[in-house]
């Protein structure tokens, strides 16, 4: 599906929604000019043409990371979790309009914190649009272990085919490697559903847990949300975290990277070209078939726009000299490979 790589000269809005709650607002990162890094851009053997298309005409574009929540009217039936009432529009009709405008064919819906462990709203969307969406449920790390049964039920009875581990929902002082966390991670592997890690406060804080889980349970697939929240490094500490991300590629066919929510990991504004070294090295280390694009709708709408989030990847990929085959994987084939039979080409 073709998509023109048009650069829209806009200034990012001053605020965006926090990934844990859309009721909070934080200042957007200001542009600091041209990004410098000791990590050089890794050139791929094949190059994109002078006017690259995002994907080939036979490929589907699949968004690996977005959220939906109830509209104010729907909230009567699907209430928000207390204190997590959204301030952004994030209902499915608004999503479908944005996807249509951007020519995105399908998506993985990640359960939002706005509904916390009540999956009824997302479940209703999955049932209404079974050929367009699959679900990523939110792991409930309750100490009584009830979340393990909840996970199994959501996977077997609804169209949930992934689960998100949010380490900040674990009981105070406990890690994702506690007994409940290991049981859920193991169960995910048994069920054949990937586990997504949301390391909002830094990959370095959770890398040991992720490595331990991957080593102990090699049959469980892992998705790193938003590239582990790693930015292209400016200092020694950032370089260490950046290296930790790349070193996770040593888990072959187990760890995948979401090149998603670019506005959260870029130090500049749209089209986020400072992320070129990051995409280049992720593809070089993991392979394009373990990398996937994601928008982080609806938060991205106030940043650069949904369609522009897709266009940004094309611009970055051209700068990184990625091949059209690489882009086919990043823009949809990787996710289609993880969830076979979901978005079948006609």
C-alpha atoms as a PDB file:
ATOM      1  CA  UNK A   1       0.000   0.000   0.000  1.00  0.00           C
ATOM      2  CA  UNK A   2       1.564   3.266  -1.105  1.00  0.00           C
ATOM      3  CA  UNK A   3       1.938   6.235   1.192  1.00  0.00           C
ATOM      4  CA  UNK A   4       3.590   9.472   0.127  1.00  0.00           C
ATOM      5  CA  UNK A   5       6.446  10.575   2.370  1.00  0.00           C
ATOM      6  CA  UNK A   6       5.293  14.153   2.619  1.00  0.00           C
ATOM      7  CA  UNK A   7       6.992  16.285   5.237  1.00  0.00           C
ATOM      8  CA  UNK A   8       4.446  18.399   7.058  1.00  0.00           C
ATOM      9  CA  UNK A   9       6.084  21.421   8.612  1.00  0.00           C
ATOM     10  CA  UNK A  10       4.249  21.679  11.873  1.00  0.00           C
ATOM     11  CA  UNK A  11       5.320  22.515  15.394  1.00  0.00           C
ATOM     12  CA  UNK A  12       4.474  19.799  17.955  1.00  0.00           C
ATOM     13  CA  UNK A  13       1.867  20.790  20.516  1.00  0.00           C
ATOM     14  CA  UNK A  14       3.094  21.759  23.918  1.00  0.00           C
ATOM     15  CA  UNK A  15       1.510  18.885  25.771  1.00  0.00           C
ATOM     16  CA  UNK A  16       0.887  15.182  25.358  1.00  0.00           C
ATOM     17  CA  UNK A  17      -0.761  12.410  27.342  1.00  0.00           C
ATOM     18  CA  UNK A  18       1.286  10.409  29.800  1.00  0.00           C
ATOM     19  CA  UNK A  19       1.442   6.684  28.937  1.00  0.00           C
ATOM     20  CA  UNK A  20       0.104   5.667  32.321  1.00  0.00           C
ATOM     21  CA  UNK A  21      -2.793   8.108  32.454  1.00  0.00           C
ATOM     22  CA  UNK A  22      -4.251  10.448  29.922  1.00  0.00           C
ATOM     23  CA  UNK A  23      -5.454  12.738  32.702  1.00  0.00           C
ATOM     24  CA  UNK A  24      -1.886  13.952  33.211  1.00  0.00           C
ATOM     25  CA  UNK A  25      -0.094  16.341  30.876  1.00  0.00           C
ATOM     26  CA  UNK A  26       3.628  16.928  30.542  1.00  0.00           C
ATOM     27  CA  UNK A  27       5.599  19.384  28.428  1.00  0.00           C
ATOM     28  CA  UNK A  28       6.711  17.947  25.137  1.00  0.00           C
ATOM     29  CA  UNK A  29      10.424  17.581  24.516  1.00  0.00           C
ATOM     30  CA  UNK A  30      11.817  20.619  22.726  1.00  0.00           C
ATOM     31  CA  UNK A  31      13.956  20.339  19.670  1.00  0.00           C
ATOM     32  CA  UNK A  32      17.649  20.646  20.429  1.00  0.00           C
ATOM     33  CA  UNK A  33      18.719  20.886  16.835  1.00  0.00           C
ATOM     34  CA  UNK A  34      20.762  18.284  15.027  1.00  0.00           C
ATOM     35  CA  UNK A  35      21.288  15.166  17.113  1.00  0.00           C
ATOM     36  CA  UNK A  36      24.838  13.931  17.538  1.00  0.00           C
ATOM     37  CA  UNK A  37      25.826  10.458  18.607  1.00  0.00           C
ATOM     38  CA  UNK A  38      28.882   8.240  18.669  1.00  0.00           C
ATOM     39  CA  UNK A  39      26.726   5.532  17.123  1.00  0.00           C
ATOM     40  CA  UNK A  40      26.982   5.779  13.353  1.00  0.00           C
ATOM     41  CA  UNK A  41      24.127   4.926  11.034  1.00  0.00           C
ATOM     42  CA  UNK A  42      24.341   1.341   9.877  1.00  0.00           C
ATOM     43  CA  UNK A  43      23.680   1.147   6.141  1.00  0.00           C
ATOM     44  CA  UNK A  44      21.760  -1.845   4.881  1.00  0.00           C
ATOM     45  CA  UNK A  45      22.907  -3.655   1.755  1.00  0.00           C
ATOM     46  CA  UNK A  46      19.777  -2.823  -0.214  1.00  0.00           C
ATOM     47  CA  UNK A  47      18.688   0.769  -0.562  1.00  0.00           C
ATOM     48  CA  UNK A  48      15.408   2.510  -1.033  1.00  0.00           C
ATOM     49  CA  UNK A  49      14.720   4.167  -4.342  1.00  0.00           C
ATOM     50  CA  UNK A  50      14.644   7.913  -4.858  1.00  0.00           C
ATOM     51  CA  UNK A  51      10.934   8.007  -4.110  1.00  0.00           C
ATOM     52  CA  UNK A  52      10.302   5.120  -1.715  1.00  0.00           C
ATOM     53  CA  UNK A  53       6.903   3.782  -0.871  1.00  0.00           C
ATOM     54  CA  UNK A  54       6.162   2.719   2.669  1.00  0.00           C
ATOM     55  CA  UNK A  55       5.304  -0.836   1.661  1.00  0.00           C
ATOM     56  CA  UNK A  56       4.790  -2.859  -1.479  1.00  0.00           C
ATOM     57  CA  UNK A  57       1.365  -3.020  -3.060  1.00  0.00           C
ATOM     58  CA  UNK A  58       0.872  -6.595  -1.814  1.00  0.00           C
ATOM     59  CA  UNK A  59       1.527  -5.792   1.859  1.00  0.00           C
ATOM     60  CA  UNK A  60      -0.751  -4.710   4.646  1.00  0.00           C
ATOM     61  CA  UNK A  61       0.071  -1.895   7.057  1.00  0.00           C
ATOM     62  CA  UNK A  62      -0.508  -2.972  10.651  1.00  0.00           C
ATOM     63  CA  UNK A  63      -0.121  -0.705  13.687  1.00  0.00           C
ATOM     64  CA  UNK A  64       1.547  -2.656  16.496  1.00  0.00           C
ATOM     65  CA  UNK A  65       0.660  -0.309  19.323  1.00  0.00           C
ATOM     66  CA  UNK A  66      -2.409   1.806  20.008  1.00  0.00           C
ATOM     67  CA  UNK A  67      -5.155   2.244  22.576  1.00  0.00           C
ATOM     68  CA  UNK A  68      -8.897   2.782  22.573  1.00  0.00           C
ATOM     69  CA  UNK A  69     -11.158   3.728  25.416  1.00  0.00           C
ATOM     70  CA  UNK A  70     -14.795   4.588  25.907  1.00  0.00           C
ATOM     71  CA  UNK A  71     -16.296   7.823  24.680  1.00  0.00           C
ATOM     72  CA  UNK A  72     -18.100   9.809  27.401  1.00  0.00           C
ATOM     73  CA  UNK A  73     -21.351   8.264  26.177  1.00  0.00           C
ATOM     74  CA  UNK A  74     -19.940   4.736  26.152  1.00  0.00           C
ATOM     75  CA  UNK A  75     -18.501   5.244  29.638  1.00  0.00           C
ATOM     76  CA  UNK A  76     -21.997   4.738  31.042  1.00  0.00           C
ATOM     77  CA  UNK A  77     -21.658   1.103  30.001  1.00  0.00           C
ATOM     78  CA  UNK A  78     -17.882   0.866  30.114  1.00  0.00           C
ATOM     79  CA  UNK A  79     -16.785   3.037  33.051  1.00  0.00           C
ATOM     80  CA  UNK A  80     -13.275   4.404  33.456  1.00  0.00           C
ATOM     81  CA  UNK A  81     -11.135   3.325  36.351  1.00  0.00           C
ATOM     82  CA  UNK A  82     -11.469   5.970  39.097  1.00  0.00           C
ATOM     83  CA  UNK A  83      -8.860   8.686  38.675  1.00  0.00           C
ATOM     84  CA  UNK A  84      -8.008   7.593  35.125  1.00  0.00           C
ATOM     85  CA  UNK A  85     -10.669   9.495  33.214  1.00  0.00           C
ATOM     86  CA  UNK A  86      -9.207  10.450  29.817  1.00  0.00           C
ATOM     87  CA  UNK A  87      -8.901  14.004  28.564  1.00  0.00           C
ATOM     88  CA  UNK A  88      -8.223  12.886  24.979  1.00  0.00           C
ATOM     89  CA  UNK A  89     -10.650  11.465  22.449  1.00  0.00           C
ATOM     90  CA  UNK A  90      -9.822   7.788  22.069  1.00  0.00           C
ATOM     91  CA  UNK A  91     -12.964   5.945  20.985  1.00  0.00           C
ATOM     92  CA  UNK A  92     -12.916   3.361  18.204  1.00  0.00           C
ATOM     93  CA  UNK A  93     -14.831   5.507  15.706  1.00  0.00           C
ATOM     94  CA  UNK A  94     -12.162   8.212  15.977  1.00  0.00           C
ATOM     95  CA  UNK A  95      -9.500   5.542  15.574  1.00  0.00           C
ATOM     96  CA  UNK A  96     -11.135   4.092  12.462  1.00  0.00           C
ATOM     97  CA  UNK A  97     -11.303   7.533  10.864  1.00  0.00           C
ATOM     98  CA  UNK A  98      -7.593   8.094  11.490  1.00  0.00           C
ATOM     99  CA  UNK A  99      -6.690   4.638  10.230  1.00  0.00           C
ATOM    100  CA  UNK A 100      -8.744   5.188   7.101  1.00  0.00           C
ATOM    101  CA  UNK A 101      -7.101   8.535   6.374  1.00  0.00           C
ATOM    102  CA  UNK A 102      -3.642   6.981   6.871  1.00  0.00           C
ATOM    103  CA  UNK A 103      -4.503   3.775   4.998  1.00  0.00           C
ATOM    104  CA  UNK A 104      -3.632   1.511   7.913  1.00  0.00           C
ATOM    105  CA  UNK A 105      -5.276  -1.904   7.622  1.00  0.00           C
ATOM    106  CA  UNK A 106      -5.251  -3.273  11.145  1.00  0.00           C
ATOM    107  CA  UNK A 107      -3.838  -2.912  14.623  1.00  0.00           C
ATOM    108  CA  UNK A 108      -2.933  -4.471  17.934  1.00  0.00           C
ATOM    109  CA  UNK A 109      -5.023  -2.738  20.604  1.00  0.00           C
ATOM    110  CA  UNK A 110      -3.225  -2.481  23.943  1.00  0.00           C
ATOM    111  CA  UNK A 111      -5.538  -2.368  26.962  1.00  0.00           C
ATOM    112  CA  UNK A 112      -5.394   1.226  28.309  1.00  0.00           C
ATOM    113  CA  UNK A 113      -4.837   2.145  31.934  1.00  0.00           C
ATOM    114  CA  UNK A 114      -8.030   4.210  31.716  1.00  0.00           C
ATOM    115  CA  UNK A 115     -10.009   0.958  32.122  1.00  0.00           C
ATOM    116  CA  UNK A 116      -7.220  -0.841  33.993  1.00  0.00           C
ATOM    117  CA  UNK A 117      -8.138  -4.530  34.372  1.00  0.00           C
ATOM    118  CA  UNK A 118     -11.702  -4.145  33.073  1.00  0.00           C
ATOM    119  CA  UNK A 119     -11.302  -5.365  29.502  1.00  0.00           C
ATOM    120  CA  UNK A 120     -14.975  -5.153  28.548  1.00  0.00           C
ATOM    121  CA  UNK A 121     -14.660  -2.064  26.295  1.00  0.00           C
ATOM    122  CA  UNK A 122     -11.720  -3.416  24.290  1.00  0.00           C
ATOM    123  CA  UNK A 123     -13.387  -6.837  24.141  1.00  0.00           C
ATOM    124  CA  UNK A 124     -16.471  -5.245  22.589  1.00  0.00           C
ATOM    125  CA  UNK A 125     -14.283  -3.613  19.925  1.00  0.00           C
ATOM    126  CA  UNK A 126     -12.511  -6.886  19.161  1.00  0.00           C
ATOM    127  CA  UNK A 127     -15.856  -8.649  18.737  1.00  0.00           C
ATOM    128  CA  UNK A 128     -17.206  -5.925  16.459  1.00  0.00           C
ATOM    129  CA  UNK A 129     -14.105  -5.767  14.232  1.00  0.00           C
ATOM    130  CA  UNK A 130     -12.539  -9.255  14.421  1.00  0.00           C
ATOM    131  CA  UNK A 131     -10.701  -8.999  11.093  1.00  0.00           C
ATOM    132  CA  UNK A 132      -9.194  -5.580  11.848  1.00  0.00           C
ATOM    133  CA  UNK A 133      -8.049  -5.776  15.469  1.00  0.00           C
ATOM    134  CA  UNK A 134      -6.441  -8.131  17.929  1.00  0.00           C
ATOM    135  CA  UNK A 135      -6.054  -7.373  21.607  1.00  0.00           C
ATOM    136  CA  UNK A 136      -3.182  -7.089  24.041  1.00  0.00           C
ATOM    137  CA  UNK A 137      -4.557  -7.479  27.551  1.00  0.00           C
ATOM    138  CA  UNK A 138      -3.071  -5.958  30.695  1.00  0.00           C
ATOM    139  CA  UNK A 139      -1.478  -8.393  33.131  1.00  0.00           C
ATOM    140  CA  UNK A 140      -2.941  -8.260  36.617  1.00  0.00           C
ATOM    141  CA  UNK A 141      -0.093  -9.072  39.030  1.00  0.00           C
ATOM    142  CA  UNK A 142      -2.369  -9.510  42.070  1.00  0.00           C
ATOM    143  CA  UNK A 143      -0.595 -11.440  44.793  1.00  0.00           C
ATOM    144  CA  UNK A 144      -3.368 -14.045  44.948  1.00  0.00           C
ATOM    145  CA  UNK A 145      -2.490 -15.147  41.424  1.00  0.00           C
ATOM    146  CA  UNK A 146      -5.954 -14.425  40.038  1.00  0.00           C
ATOM    147  CA  UNK A 147      -4.383 -12.608  37.106  1.00  0.00           C
ATOM    148  CA  UNK A 148      -3.099 -15.902  35.695  1.00  0.00           C
ATOM    149  CA  UNK A 149      -6.635 -17.209  35.280  1.00  0.00           C
ATOM    150  CA  UNK A 150      -7.757 -13.844  33.899  1.00  0.00           C
ATOM    151  CA  UNK A 151      -5.025 -14.003  31.270  1.00  0.00           C
ATOM    152  CA  UNK A 152      -6.006 -17.498  30.206  1.00  0.00           C
ATOM    153  CA  UNK A 153      -9.672 -16.537  29.993  1.00  0.00           C
ATOM    154  CA  UNK A 154      -9.041 -13.441  27.876  1.00  0.00           C
ATOM    155  CA  UNK A 155      -6.854 -15.382  25.453  1.00  0.00           C
ATOM    156  CA  UNK A 156      -9.114 -18.421  25.107  1.00  0.00           C
ATOM    157  CA  UNK A 157     -12.488 -16.673  25.138  1.00  0.00           C
ATOM    158  CA  UNK A 158     -11.788 -13.364  23.379  1.00  0.00           C
ATOM    159  CA  UNK A 159      -9.447 -12.178  20.627  1.00  0.00           C
ATOM    160  CA  UNK A 160      -6.514 -11.318  22.915  1.00  0.00           C
ATOM    161  CA  UNK A 161      -3.253 -12.585  21.506  1.00  0.00           C
ATOM    162  CA  UNK A 162      -0.707 -10.679  23.603  1.00  0.00           C
ATOM    163  CA  UNK A 163      -0.341  -9.424  27.169  1.00  0.00           C
ATOM    164  CA  UNK A 164       1.321  -6.317  28.559  1.00  0.00           C
ATOM    165  CA  UNK A 165       3.534  -6.354  31.648  1.00  0.00           C
ATOM    166  CA  UNK A 166       3.501  -2.943  33.308  1.00  0.00           C
ATOM    167  CA  UNK A 167       6.103  -3.182  36.106  1.00  0.00           C
ATOM    168  CA  UNK A 168       4.582  -0.197  37.905  1.00  0.00           C
ATOM    169  CA  UNK A 169       1.409  -2.198  38.612  1.00  0.00           C
ATOM    170  CA  UNK A 170       3.288  -4.847  40.585  1.00  0.00           C
ATOM    171  CA  UNK A 171       2.851  -4.682  44.378  1.00  0.00           C
ATOM    172  CA  UNK A 172       5.218  -2.227  46.018  1.00  0.00           C
ATOM    173  CA  UNK A 173       8.725  -3.598  46.388  1.00  0.00           C
ATOM    174  CA  UNK A 174       8.116  -6.571  44.098  1.00  0.00           C
ATOM    175  CA  UNK A 175       9.497  -7.286  40.658  1.00  0.00           C
ATOM    176  CA  UNK A 176       8.114  -8.879  37.513  1.00  0.00           C
ATOM    177  CA  UNK A 177      10.250 -11.907  38.372  1.00  0.00           C
ATOM    178  CA  UNK A 178       8.258 -12.713  41.512  1.00  0.00           C
ATOM    179  CA  UNK A 179       6.259 -15.953  41.638  1.00  0.00           C
ATOM    180  CA  UNK A 180       3.156 -14.448  40.056  1.00  0.00           C
ATOM    181  CA  UNK A 181       5.149 -12.700  37.338  1.00  0.00           C
ATOM    182  CA  UNK A 182       6.988 -15.883  36.389  1.00  0.00           C
ATOM    183  CA  UNK A 183       3.758 -17.875  36.410  1.00  0.00           C
ATOM    184  CA  UNK A 184       2.074 -15.378  34.069  1.00  0.00           C
ATOM    185  CA  UNK A 185       5.119 -15.179  31.795  1.00  0.00           C
ATOM    186  CA  UNK A 186       5.244 -18.978  31.604  1.00  0.00           C
ATOM    187  CA  UNK A 187       1.494 -19.176  30.966  1.00  0.00           C
ATOM    188  CA  UNK A 188       1.828 -16.663  28.136  1.00  0.00           C
ATOM    189  CA  UNK A 189       4.371 -18.961  26.501  1.00  0.00           C
ATOM    190  CA  UNK A 190       2.061 -21.946  26.914  1.00  0.00           C
ATOM    191  CA  UNK A 191      -0.779 -19.993  25.324  1.00  0.00           C
ATOM    192  CA  UNK A 192       1.445 -18.727  22.512  1.00  0.00           C
ATOM    193  CA  UNK A 193       0.926 -15.049  23.295  1.00  0.00           C
ATOM    194  CA  UNK A 194       3.790 -12.519  23.346  1.00  0.00           C
ATOM    195  CA  UNK A 195       4.516 -10.450  26.451  1.00  0.00           C
ATOM    196  CA  UNK A 196       4.989  -6.714  25.929  1.00  0.00           C
ATOM    197  CA  UNK A 197       7.141  -4.792  28.425  1.00  0.00           C
ATOM    198  CA  UNK A 198       6.356  -1.160  29.194  1.00  0.00           C
ATOM    199  CA  UNK A 199       9.567   0.276  30.667  1.00  0.00           C
ATOM    200  CA  UNK A 200       8.417   3.888  30.894  1.00  0.00           C
ATOM    201  CA  UNK A 201      10.955   4.891  33.548  1.00  0.00           C
ATOM    202  CA  UNK A 202      13.881   3.347  31.699  1.00  0.00           C
ATOM    203  CA  UNK A 203      14.928  -0.013  30.285  1.00  0.00           C
ATOM    204  CA  UNK A 204      17.912  -0.032  32.621  1.00  0.00           C
ATOM    205  CA  UNK A 205      15.578  -0.374  35.626  1.00  0.00           C
ATOM    206  CA  UNK A 206      14.022  -3.572  34.278  1.00  0.00           C
ATOM    207  CA  UNK A 207      16.624  -5.142  31.988  1.00  0.00           C
ATOM    208  CA  UNK A 208      17.693  -7.713  34.588  1.00  0.00           C
ATOM    209  CA  UNK A 209      14.090  -8.869  35.051  1.00  0.00           C
ATOM    210  CA  UNK A 210      13.529  -9.152  31.300  1.00  0.00           C
ATOM    211  CA  UNK A 211      16.752 -11.104  30.819  1.00  0.00           C
ATOM    212  CA  UNK A 212      15.906 -13.459  33.686  1.00  0.00           C
ATOM    213  CA  UNK A 213      12.432 -14.159  32.311  1.00  0.00           C
ATOM    214  CA  UNK A 214      13.729 -14.682  28.772  1.00  0.00           C
ATOM    215  CA  UNK A 215      16.429 -17.057  29.970  1.00  0.00           C
ATOM    216  CA  UNK A 216      14.152 -19.107  32.208  1.00  0.00           C
ATOM    217  CA  UNK A 217      11.229 -19.223  29.751  1.00  0.00           C
ATOM    218  CA  UNK A 218      12.684 -19.239  26.212  1.00  0.00           C
ATOM    219  CA  UNK A 219       9.356 -20.220  24.638  1.00  0.00           C
ATOM    220  CA  UNK A 220       7.696 -16.925  25.580  1.00  0.00           C
ATOM    221  CA  UNK A 221       7.959 -14.212  22.945  1.00  0.00           C
ATOM    222  CA  UNK A 222       8.780 -10.671  24.099  1.00  0.00           C
ATOM    223  CA  UNK A 223       7.793  -7.294  22.668  1.00  0.00           C
ATOM    224  CA  UNK A 224       9.676  -4.176  23.787  1.00  0.00           C
ATOM    225  CA  UNK A 225       7.204  -1.313  23.741  1.00  0.00           C
ATOM    226  CA  UNK A 226       8.539   1.949  22.309  1.00  0.00           C
ATOM    227  CA  UNK A 227      12.032   0.488  21.792  1.00  0.00           C
ATOM    228  CA  UNK A 228      12.328   0.104  25.544  1.00  0.00           C
ATOM    229  CA  UNK A 229      11.941   3.891  25.843  1.00  0.00           C
ATOM    230  CA  UNK A 230      15.555   4.198  24.675  1.00  0.00           C
ATOM    231  CA  UNK A 231      16.702   7.458  23.158  1.00  0.00           C
ATOM    232  CA  UNK A 232      19.742   7.880  20.950  1.00  0.00           C
ATOM    233  CA  UNK A 233      22.434   8.428  23.606  1.00  0.00           C
ATOM    234  CA  UNK A 234      23.950  11.768  24.516  1.00  0.00           C
ATOM    235  CA  UNK A 235      25.904  10.600  27.562  1.00  0.00           C
ATOM    236  CA  UNK A 236      27.466   7.541  29.125  1.00  0.00           C
ATOM    237  CA  UNK A 237      24.397   6.419  31.053  1.00  0.00           C
ATOM    238  CA  UNK A 238      22.193   6.615  27.962  1.00  0.00           C
ATOM    239  CA  UNK A 239      24.816   4.709  25.961  1.00  0.00           C
ATOM    240  CA  UNK A 240      24.725   1.878  28.482  1.00  0.00           C
ATOM    241  CA  UNK A 241      20.933   1.592  28.187  1.00  0.00           C
ATOM    242  CA  UNK A 242      21.156   1.799  24.399  1.00  0.00           C
ATOM    243  CA  UNK A 243      23.668  -1.046  24.436  1.00  0.00           C
ATOM    244  CA  UNK A 244      21.412  -3.088  26.723  1.00  0.00           C
ATOM    245  CA  UNK A 245      18.613  -2.784  24.184  1.00  0.00           C
ATOM    246  CA  UNK A 246      20.826  -4.006  21.357  1.00  0.00           C
ATOM    247  CA  UNK A 247      22.185  -6.869  23.465  1.00  0.00           C
ATOM    248  CA  UNK A 248      18.663  -8.280  23.850  1.00  0.00           C
ATOM    249  CA  UNK A 249      18.996  -9.371  20.227  1.00  0.00           C
ATOM    250  CA  UNK A 250      21.000 -12.303  21.576  1.00  0.00           C
ATOM    251  CA  UNK A 251      17.656 -13.970  22.336  1.00  0.00           C
ATOM    252  CA  UNK A 252      17.038 -15.181  18.766  1.00  0.00           C
ATOM    253  CA  UNK A 253      13.423 -15.211  17.600  1.00  0.00           C
ATOM    254  CA  UNK A 254      12.283 -14.368  21.133  1.00  0.00           C
ATOM    255  CA  UNK A 255      12.686 -10.608  21.550  1.00  0.00           C
ATOM    256  CA  UNK A 256      11.006  -8.175  19.151  1.00  0.00           C
ATOM    257  CA  UNK A 257      11.198  -4.363  19.144  1.00  0.00           C
ATOM    258  CA  UNK A 258       8.325  -1.962  18.624  1.00  0.00           C
ATOM    259  CA  UNK A 259       9.566   1.136  16.811  1.00  0.00           C
ATOM    260  CA  UNK A 260       6.604   2.957  18.250  1.00  0.00           C
ATOM    261  CA  UNK A 261       5.548   6.201  19.922  1.00  0.00           C
ATOM    262  CA  UNK A 262       8.398   8.006  18.191  1.00  0.00           C
ATOM    263  CA  UNK A 263       7.459  11.275  19.863  1.00  0.00           C
ATOM    264  CA  UNK A 264       8.250   9.701  23.241  1.00  0.00           C
ATOM    265  CA  UNK A 265      11.772   8.587  22.331  1.00  0.00           C
ATOM    266  CA  UNK A 266      12.852  11.383  19.980  1.00  0.00           C
ATOM    267  CA  UNK A 267      14.709  14.438  21.202  1.00  0.00           C
ATOM    268  CA  UNK A 268      13.350  16.471  18.282  1.00  0.00           C
ATOM    269  CA  UNK A 269      10.001  17.099  16.646  1.00  0.00           C
ATOM    270  CA  UNK A 270       8.348  15.521  13.617  1.00  0.00           C
ATOM    271  CA  UNK A 271       9.606  13.716  11.562  1.00  0.00           C
ATOM    272  CA  UNK A 272      11.907  12.517  14.376  1.00  0.00           C
ATOM    273  CA  UNK A 273      14.961  12.043  12.181  1.00  0.00           C
ATOM    274  CA  UNK A 274      17.258  11.846  15.191  1.00  0.00           C
ATOM    275  CA  UNK A 275      15.917   8.275  15.502  1.00  0.00           C
ATOM    276  CA  UNK A 276      17.658   7.208  12.294  1.00  0.00           C
ATOM    277  CA  UNK A 277      20.639   5.645  14.161  1.00  0.00           C
ATOM    278  CA  UNK A 278      18.236   3.830  16.479  1.00  0.00           C
ATOM    279  CA  UNK A 279      16.203   2.289  13.652  1.00  0.00           C
ATOM    280  CA  UNK A 280      19.349   1.429  11.720  1.00  0.00           C
ATOM    281  CA  UNK A 281      20.967  -0.373  14.623  1.00  0.00           C
ATOM    282  CA  UNK A 282      17.782  -2.120  15.732  1.00  0.00           C
ATOM    283  CA  UNK A 283      17.328  -3.517  12.218  1.00  0.00           C
ATOM    284  CA  UNK A 284      21.027  -4.403  12.014  1.00  0.00           C
ATOM    285  CA  UNK A 285      20.970  -6.237  15.359  1.00  0.00           C
ATOM    286  CA  UNK A 286      17.510  -7.793  15.427  1.00  0.00           C
ATOM    287  CA  UNK A 287      16.639  -7.978  11.734  1.00  0.00           C
ATOM    288  CA  UNK A 288      13.687  -6.187  10.158  1.00  0.00           C
ATOM    289  CA  UNK A 289      11.525  -9.266  10.763  1.00  0.00           C
ATOM    290  CA  UNK A 290      11.759  -8.594  14.508  1.00  0.00           C
ATOM    291  CA  UNK A 291      10.887  -4.884  14.291  1.00  0.00           C
ATOM    292  CA  UNK A 292       7.407  -3.353  14.015  1.00  0.00           C
ATOM    293  CA  UNK A 293       5.975   0.141  13.684  1.00  0.00           C
ATOM    294  CA  UNK A 294       3.433   1.456  16.160  1.00  0.00           C
ATOM    295  CA  UNK A 295       1.699   4.815  16.528  1.00  0.00           C
ATOM    296  CA  UNK A 296       0.631   5.046  20.193  1.00  0.00           C
ATOM    297  CA  UNK A 297      -2.782   6.403  19.191  1.00  0.00           C
ATOM    298  CA  UNK A 298      -4.508   8.502  20.454  1.00  0.00           C
ATOM    299  CA  UNK A 299      -1.604  10.287  22.153  1.00  0.00           C
ATOM    300  CA  UNK A 300       0.172  10.725  18.818  1.00  0.00           C
ATOM    301  CA  UNK A 301      -2.735  12.688  17.351  1.00  0.00           C
ATOM    302  CA  UNK A 302      -1.882  15.764  19.410  1.00  0.00           C
ATOM    303  CA  UNK A 303       1.817  15.384  18.678  1.00  0.00           C
ATOM    304  CA  UNK A 304       2.188  15.095  14.918  1.00  0.00           C
ATOM    305  CA  UNK A 305      -1.000  13.406  13.761  1.00  0.00           C
ATOM    306  CA  UNK A 306      -1.764   9.743  13.107  1.00  0.00           C
ATOM    307  CA  UNK A 307      -1.069   9.794   9.372  1.00  0.00           C
ATOM    308  CA  UNK A 308       2.132  11.723   9.983  1.00  0.00           C
ATOM    309  CA  UNK A 309       3.280   9.095  12.507  1.00  0.00           C
ATOM    310  CA  UNK A 310       3.203   6.586   9.676  1.00  0.00           C
ATOM    311  CA  UNK A 311       4.915   8.989   7.279  1.00  0.00           C
ATOM    312  CA  UNK A 312       7.708   9.639   9.790  1.00  0.00           C
ATOM    313  CA  UNK A 313       8.842   6.020   9.554  1.00  0.00           C
ATOM    314  CA  UNK A 314       9.159   6.330   5.782  1.00  0.00           C
ATOM    315  CA  UNK A 315      11.272   9.461   6.145  1.00  0.00           C
ATOM    316  CA  UNK A 316      13.500   7.850   8.788  1.00  0.00           C
ATOM    317  CA  UNK A 317      13.825   4.652   6.765  1.00  0.00           C
ATOM    318  CA  UNK A 318      14.904   6.578   3.682  1.00  0.00           C
ATOM    319  CA  UNK A 319      17.573   8.362   5.703  1.00  0.00           C
ATOM    320  CA  UNK A 320      18.683   4.995   7.105  1.00  0.00           C
ATOM    321  CA  UNK A 321      18.802   3.462   3.591  1.00  0.00           C
ATOM    322  CA  UNK A 322      16.497   0.595   4.521  1.00  0.00           C
ATOM    323  CA  UNK A 323      15.228  -1.622   1.723  1.00  0.00           C
ATOM    324  CA  UNK A 324      11.608  -1.870   0.643  1.00  0.00           C
ATOM    325  CA  UNK A 325      11.666  -5.449   1.940  1.00  0.00           C
ATOM    326  CA  UNK A 326      12.766  -4.193   5.376  1.00  0.00           C
ATOM    327  CA  UNK A 327       9.900  -1.729   5.351  1.00  0.00           C
ATOM    328  CA  UNK A 328       7.384  -4.432   4.442  1.00  0.00           C
ATOM    329  CA  UNK A 329       8.419  -6.260   7.610  1.00  0.00           C
ATOM    330  CA  UNK A 330       8.428  -3.172   9.841  1.00  0.00           C
ATOM    331  CA  UNK A 331       5.095  -1.837   8.599  1.00  0.00           C
ATOM    332  CA  UNK A 332       3.131  -5.057   8.903  1.00  0.00           C
ATOM    333  CA  UNK A 333       4.713  -8.383   8.039  1.00  0.00           C
ATOM    334  CA  UNK A 334       6.420  -8.786  11.415  1.00  0.00           C
ATOM    335  CA  UNK A 335       3.134  -8.488  13.279  1.00  0.00           C
ATOM    336  CA  UNK A 336       1.347 -10.686  10.739  1.00  0.00           C
ATOM    337  CA  UNK A 337       4.031 -13.308  11.302  1.00  0.00           C
ATOM    338  CA  UNK A 338       3.480 -13.156  15.069  1.00  0.00           C
ATOM    339  CA  UNK A 339      -0.295 -13.485  14.667  1.00  0.00           C
ATOM    340  CA  UNK A 340      -0.753 -15.811  11.687  1.00  0.00           C
ATOM    341  CA  UNK A 341      -4.179 -15.852  10.092  1.00  0.00           C
ATOM    342  CA  UNK A 342      -5.265 -12.510  11.519  1.00  0.00           C
ATOM    343  CA  UNK A 343      -4.762 -10.037   8.657  1.00  0.00           C
ATOM    344  CA  UNK A 344      -4.921 -12.290   5.611  1.00  0.00           C
ATOM    345  CA  UNK A 345      -4.312 -10.773   2.194  1.00  0.00           C
ATOM    346  CA  UNK A 346      -7.226 -11.244  -0.236  1.00  0.00           C
END
